[in-house]
Protein backbone atom coordinates (compact mmCIF):
# COMPACT_ATOMS: atom_id res chain seq x y z
CA UNK A 1 -9.35 62.24 -5.60
CA UNK A 2 -6.00 63.54 -6.80
CA UNK A 3 -3.01 61.57 -5.58
CA UNK A 4 0.52 62.94 -5.61
CA UNK A 5 3.64 60.87 -6.24
CA UNK A 6 7.16 62.22 -5.86
CA UNK A 7 10.24 60.92 -7.63
CA UNK A 8 13.84 61.93 -8.18
CA UNK A 9 15.25 61.65 -4.70
CA UNK A 10 18.52 59.94 -3.96
CA UNK A 11 22.05 60.30 -2.67
CA UNK A 12 24.22 63.16 -3.90
CA UNK A 13 27.47 64.77 -2.80
CA UNK A 14 27.52 68.25 -1.37
CA UNK A 15 27.51 70.81 -4.16
CA UNK A 16 25.58 68.53 -6.47
CA UNK A 17 22.12 68.78 -7.94
CA UNK A 18 18.89 66.82 -8.02
CA UNK A 19 15.53 67.42 -9.61
CA UNK A 20 12.42 66.21 -7.87
CA UNK A 21 9.19 65.63 -9.73
CA UNK A 22 5.65 65.46 -8.45
CA UNK A 23 3.09 63.70 -10.60
CA UNK A 24 -0.64 63.75 -10.10
CA UNK A 25 -2.99 60.87 -10.76
CA UNK A 26 -6.74 60.65 -10.49
CA UNK A 27 -7.18 64.26 -11.52
CA UNK A 28 -5.47 67.37 -12.75
CA UNK A 29 -2.84 69.25 -10.79
CA UNK A 30 -3.24 72.36 -12.92
CA UNK A 31 -6.06 73.79 -10.84
CA UNK A 32 -4.12 73.57 -7.58
CA UNK A 33 -1.41 75.68 -6.08
CA UNK A 34 1.53 73.35 -5.38
CA UNK A 35 4.56 73.27 -3.18
CA UNK A 36 7.29 71.31 -1.53
CA UNK A 37 7.98 70.72 2.13
CA UNK A 38 10.72 68.73 3.77
CA UNK A 39 11.27 67.05 7.09
CA UNK A 40 14.63 66.02 8.42
CA UNK A 41 14.95 63.30 11.03
CA UNK A 42 14.04 64.69 14.42
CA UNK A 43 13.07 68.10 13.07
CA UNK A 44 9.84 69.88 12.28
CA UNK A 45 8.43 70.04 8.79
CA UNK A 46 9.87 72.95 6.82
CA UNK A 47 8.42 74.91 3.92
CA UNK A 48 10.64 74.74 0.84
CA UNK A 49 8.80 76.35 -2.06
CA UNK A 50 5.38 77.05 -3.52
CA UNK A 51 4.01 77.93 -6.93
CA UNK A 52 0.58 79.18 -7.88
CA UNK A 53 -1.63 77.17 -10.21
CA UNK A 54 -0.66 79.28 -13.20
CA UNK A 55 2.98 79.64 -12.21
CA UNK A 56 2.90 83.41 -11.82
CA UNK A 57 3.50 83.48 -8.08
CA UNK A 58 6.45 81.69 -6.49
CA UNK A 59 7.87 81.73 -3.00
CA UNK A 60 10.78 80.02 -1.26
CA UNK A 61 11.86 79.23 2.23
CA UNK A 62 14.81 81.29 3.39
CA UNK A 63 17.16 78.32 3.62
CA UNK A 64 16.81 77.42 -0.07
CA UNK A 65 16.53 80.81 -1.77
CA UNK A 66 18.97 81.17 -4.63
CA UNK A 67 19.66 77.42 -4.76
CA UNK A 68 16.29 75.76 -5.43
CA UNK A 69 13.82 76.46 -8.23
CA UNK A 70 10.20 75.36 -8.33
CA UNK A 71 8.39 75.07 -11.63
CA UNK A 72 5.42 73.29 -13.15
CA UNK A 73 4.24 71.90 -16.46
CA UNK A 74 0.47 71.83 -16.35
CA UNK A 75 0.22 70.11 -19.71
CA UNK A 76 2.11 67.17 -18.20
CA UNK A 77 0.47 67.42 -14.78
CA UNK A 78 3.88 67.79 -13.14
CA UNK A 79 5.56 70.02 -10.58
CA UNK A 80 9.34 70.12 -10.26
CA UNK A 81 11.90 71.14 -7.68
CA UNK A 82 15.35 71.77 -9.10
CA UNK A 83 17.88 71.66 -6.27
CA UNK A 84 21.37 73.02 -6.88
CA UNK A 85 24.37 73.58 -4.62
CA UNK A 86 23.05 70.98 -2.24
CA UNK A 87 24.29 70.95 1.34
CA UNK A 88 24.27 68.19 3.95
CA UNK A 89 21.62 70.16 5.84
CA UNK A 90 19.28 69.69 2.86
CA UNK A 91 19.06 66.01 3.77
CA UNK A 92 15.40 65.24 4.44
CA UNK A 93 12.28 63.57 3.14
CA UNK A 94 10.76 65.90 0.58
CA UNK A 95 7.00 66.01 0.21
CA UNK A 96 4.91 67.36 -2.64
CA UNK A 97 1.88 69.36 -1.52
CA UNK A 98 -1.10 70.83 -3.31
CA UNK A 99 -4.21 72.75 -2.46
CA UNK A 100 -5.09 76.36 -1.74
CA UNK A 101 -2.62 79.06 -0.77
CA UNK A 102 0.49 77.28 0.47
CA UNK A 103 2.71 78.70 3.18
CA UNK A 104 4.75 77.28 6.06
CA UNK A 105 1.73 77.59 8.31
CA UNK A 106 -0.94 76.62 5.78
CA UNK A 107 0.00 73.68 3.59
CA UNK A 108 -2.48 72.36 1.09
CA UNK A 109 -4.68 69.38 1.77
CA UNK A 110 -3.00 66.96 -0.64
CA UNK A 111 0.30 65.24 0.18
CA UNK A 112 2.56 62.80 -1.57
CA UNK A 113 4.29 59.93 0.19
CA UNK A 114 7.67 61.65 0.18
CA UNK A 115 11.04 61.02 -1.41
CA UNK A 116 14.34 60.83 0.46
CA UNK A 117 17.14 63.22 -0.41
CA UNK A 118 20.50 62.56 1.20
CA UNK A 119 23.43 64.91 0.74
CA UNK A 120 26.83 63.60 1.78
CA UNK A 121 29.65 65.86 2.88
């Protein structure tokens, strides 16, 4: 069973950048579509970004378009989320997700434990 582990979260000032990584253990991530979701305290889970298994298809949630970039390195079994121009409203726990087609309504079956991102104003 593939397990996902996120890293790279932390505290950053508004306007700053962070890069999240998602590593897979117990199997290969390269055969899965992958994505990122986030959940702020007291709010519903929100779709952030998704990338197909080969990297040819990418989608973003409206609130992060133009600021976040999802990518993957299948040779290293990693998926990344580069987050630029961060805003306080980006503060949330960010979750790596993998599985079939990933959308806001249909996340994949595999989830990481989450990593906290806090953006100060």
